[in-house]
């Protein structure tokens, strides 16, 4: 029996490192798409997990979309907002 990969609880990557196209998805007429099984396994996404959809906007249009597990979102928010709060004298 093959042992399942243990999943890390928090993401340690940044937007600029390790980016690659994992797969190409098709959106059906109902607006739904399927994340391939191998991607779900590598990302440790399981039934019932909640994902946050993050977008980047440029010139009034969304130019990039990303998904991340909600449990990893708080770390990202702290990384982004922490320096801003320190600049205003709060922490």
C-alpha atoms as a PDB file:
ATOM      1  CA  UNK A   1       0.000   0.000   0.000  1.00  0.00           C
ATOM      2  CA  UNK A   2       1.305   3.469  -0.930  1.00  0.00           C
ATOM      3  CA  UNK A   3       1.554   5.990   1.883  1.00  0.00           C
ATOM      4  CA  UNK A   4      -0.229   9.272   1.138  1.00  0.00           C
ATOM      5  CA  UNK A   5       1.844  12.442   1.053  1.00  0.00           C
ATOM      6  CA  UNK A   6       1.619  14.521   4.198  1.00  0.00           C
ATOM      7  CA  UNK A   7       0.378  18.019   3.448  1.00  0.00           C
ATOM      8  CA  UNK A   8       1.922  21.139   4.877  1.00  0.00           C
ATOM      9  CA  UNK A   9      -0.675  23.345   6.614  1.00  0.00           C
ATOM     10  CA  UNK A  10       0.678  26.668   5.290  1.00  0.00           C
ATOM     11  CA  UNK A  11       2.055  27.855   1.992  1.00  0.00           C
ATOM     12  CA  UNK A  12       5.576  29.227   1.966  1.00  0.00           C
ATOM     13  CA  UNK A  13       5.818  30.236  -1.678  1.00  0.00           C
ATOM     14  CA  UNK A  14       5.680  33.712  -3.124  1.00  0.00           C
ATOM     15  CA  UNK A  15       3.943  34.948  -6.244  1.00  0.00           C
ATOM     16  CA  UNK A  16       7.233  35.280  -8.122  1.00  0.00           C
ATOM     17  CA  UNK A  17       8.741  31.857  -7.467  1.00  0.00           C
ATOM     18  CA  UNK A  18       7.734  28.508  -8.892  1.00  0.00           C
ATOM     19  CA  UNK A  19       4.895  29.780 -11.070  1.00  0.00           C
ATOM     20  CA  UNK A  20       3.929  27.452 -13.913  1.00  0.00           C
ATOM     21  CA  UNK A  21       0.925  26.337 -15.913  1.00  0.00           C
ATOM     22  CA  UNK A  22      -0.368  23.193 -14.196  1.00  0.00           C
ATOM     23  CA  UNK A  23      -3.206  22.511 -16.615  1.00  0.00           C
ATOM     24  CA  UNK A  24      -5.678  24.134 -18.967  1.00  0.00           C
ATOM     25  CA  UNK A  25      -9.280  24.173 -17.751  1.00  0.00           C
ATOM     26  CA  UNK A  26     -12.479  24.518 -19.752  1.00  0.00           C
ATOM     27  CA  UNK A  27     -15.413  26.475 -18.354  1.00  0.00           C
ATOM     28  CA  UNK A  28     -18.724  24.822 -19.201  1.00  0.00           C
ATOM     29  CA  UNK A  29     -22.006  26.574 -20.010  1.00  0.00           C
ATOM     30  CA  UNK A  30     -22.890  26.673 -16.292  1.00  0.00           C
ATOM     31  CA  UNK A  31     -19.597  28.409 -15.433  1.00  0.00           C
ATOM     32  CA  UNK A  32     -18.118  25.320 -13.810  1.00  0.00           C
ATOM     33  CA  UNK A  33     -14.652  23.852 -14.249  1.00  0.00           C
ATOM     34  CA  UNK A  34     -12.815  20.825 -12.890  1.00  0.00           C
ATOM     35  CA  UNK A  35      -9.446  20.866 -11.168  1.00  0.00           C
ATOM     36  CA  UNK A  36      -7.569  17.793 -12.404  1.00  0.00           C
ATOM     37  CA  UNK A  37      -7.023  15.040  -9.871  1.00  0.00           C
ATOM     38  CA  UNK A  38      -3.210  15.263  -9.998  1.00  0.00           C
ATOM     39  CA  UNK A  39      -3.365  19.012  -9.223  1.00  0.00           C
ATOM     40  CA  UNK A  40      -5.802  18.432  -6.337  1.00  0.00           C
ATOM     41  CA  UNK A  41      -3.505  15.748  -4.937  1.00  0.00           C
ATOM     42  CA  UNK A  42      -0.351  17.891  -5.185  1.00  0.00           C
ATOM     43  CA  UNK A  43      -2.192  20.823  -3.570  1.00  0.00           C
ATOM     44  CA  UNK A  44      -3.776  18.559  -0.914  1.00  0.00           C
ATOM     45  CA  UNK A  45      -7.261  19.761  -1.898  1.00  0.00           C
ATOM     46  CA  UNK A  46      -9.903  17.410  -0.562  1.00  0.00           C
ATOM     47  CA  UNK A  47     -13.723  17.345  -0.721  1.00  0.00           C
ATOM     48  CA  UNK A  48     -15.142  20.055   1.548  1.00  0.00           C
ATOM     49  CA  UNK A  49     -12.017  22.248   1.457  1.00  0.00           C
ATOM     50  CA  UNK A  50     -12.684  25.943   0.946  1.00  0.00           C
ATOM     51  CA  UNK A  51     -10.675  27.846  -1.656  1.00  0.00           C
ATOM     52  CA  UNK A  52     -10.196  31.591  -1.996  1.00  0.00           C
ATOM     53  CA  UNK A  53     -10.184  33.060  -5.498  1.00  0.00           C
ATOM     54  CA  UNK A  54      -7.601  35.824  -5.741  1.00  0.00           C
ATOM     55  CA  UNK A  55      -7.478  38.206  -8.675  1.00  0.00           C
ATOM     56  CA  UNK A  56      -4.994  40.757  -9.977  1.00  0.00           C
ATOM     57  CA  UNK A  57      -6.359  43.737 -11.847  1.00  0.00           C
ATOM     58  CA  UNK A  58      -4.580  45.866 -14.420  1.00  0.00           C
ATOM     59  CA  UNK A  59      -6.099  48.774 -16.335  1.00  0.00           C
ATOM     60  CA  UNK A  60      -9.594  47.950 -15.055  1.00  0.00           C
ATOM     61  CA  UNK A  61      -9.571  44.289 -16.141  1.00  0.00           C
ATOM     62  CA  UNK A  62      -8.719  41.145 -14.234  1.00  0.00           C
ATOM     63  CA  UNK A  63      -5.512  39.816 -15.755  1.00  0.00           C
ATOM     64  CA  UNK A  64      -4.716  36.904 -13.443  1.00  0.00           C
ATOM     65  CA  UNK A  65      -6.613  34.512 -11.151  1.00  0.00           C
ATOM     66  CA  UNK A  66      -5.259  32.212  -8.464  1.00  0.00           C
ATOM     67  CA  UNK A  67      -6.764  29.743  -6.005  1.00  0.00           C
ATOM     68  CA  UNK A  68      -5.491  29.090  -2.513  1.00  0.00           C
ATOM     69  CA  UNK A  69      -6.810  27.197   0.477  1.00  0.00           C
ATOM     70  CA  UNK A  70      -8.655  29.514   2.861  1.00  0.00           C
ATOM     71  CA  UNK A  71      -6.564  28.264   5.792  1.00  0.00           C
ATOM     72  CA  UNK A  72      -3.468  29.715   4.067  1.00  0.00           C
ATOM     73  CA  UNK A  73      -5.129  33.046   3.369  1.00  0.00           C
ATOM     74  CA  UNK A  74      -4.537  34.548   6.818  1.00  0.00           C
ATOM     75  CA  UNK A  75      -0.758  34.176   6.453  1.00  0.00           C
ATOM     76  CA  UNK A  76      -0.861  35.931   3.101  1.00  0.00           C
ATOM     77  CA  UNK A  77      -2.971  38.776   4.504  1.00  0.00           C
ATOM     78  CA  UNK A  78      -0.542  39.212   7.409  1.00  0.00           C
ATOM     79  CA  UNK A  79       2.410  39.294   4.991  1.00  0.00           C
ATOM     80  CA  UNK A  80       0.728  41.986   2.874  1.00  0.00           C
ATOM     81  CA  UNK A  81      -0.843  44.087   5.637  1.00  0.00           C
ATOM     82  CA  UNK A  82       1.875  43.706   8.290  1.00  0.00           C
ATOM     83  CA  UNK A  83       4.285  46.208   6.737  1.00  0.00           C
ATOM     84  CA  UNK A  84       1.428  48.653   6.176  1.00  0.00           C
ATOM     85  CA  UNK A  85       0.356  48.437   9.811  1.00  0.00           C
ATOM     86  CA  UNK A  86       3.949  48.902  10.973  1.00  0.00           C
ATOM     87  CA  UNK A  87       4.214  52.072   8.842  1.00  0.00           C
ATOM     88  CA  UNK A  88       1.195  53.527  10.616  1.00  0.00           C
ATOM     89  CA  UNK A  89       2.565  52.687  14.075  1.00  0.00           C
ATOM     90  CA  UNK A  90       0.221  49.734  14.702  1.00  0.00           C
ATOM     91  CA  UNK A  91       1.136  46.057  14.858  1.00  0.00           C
END
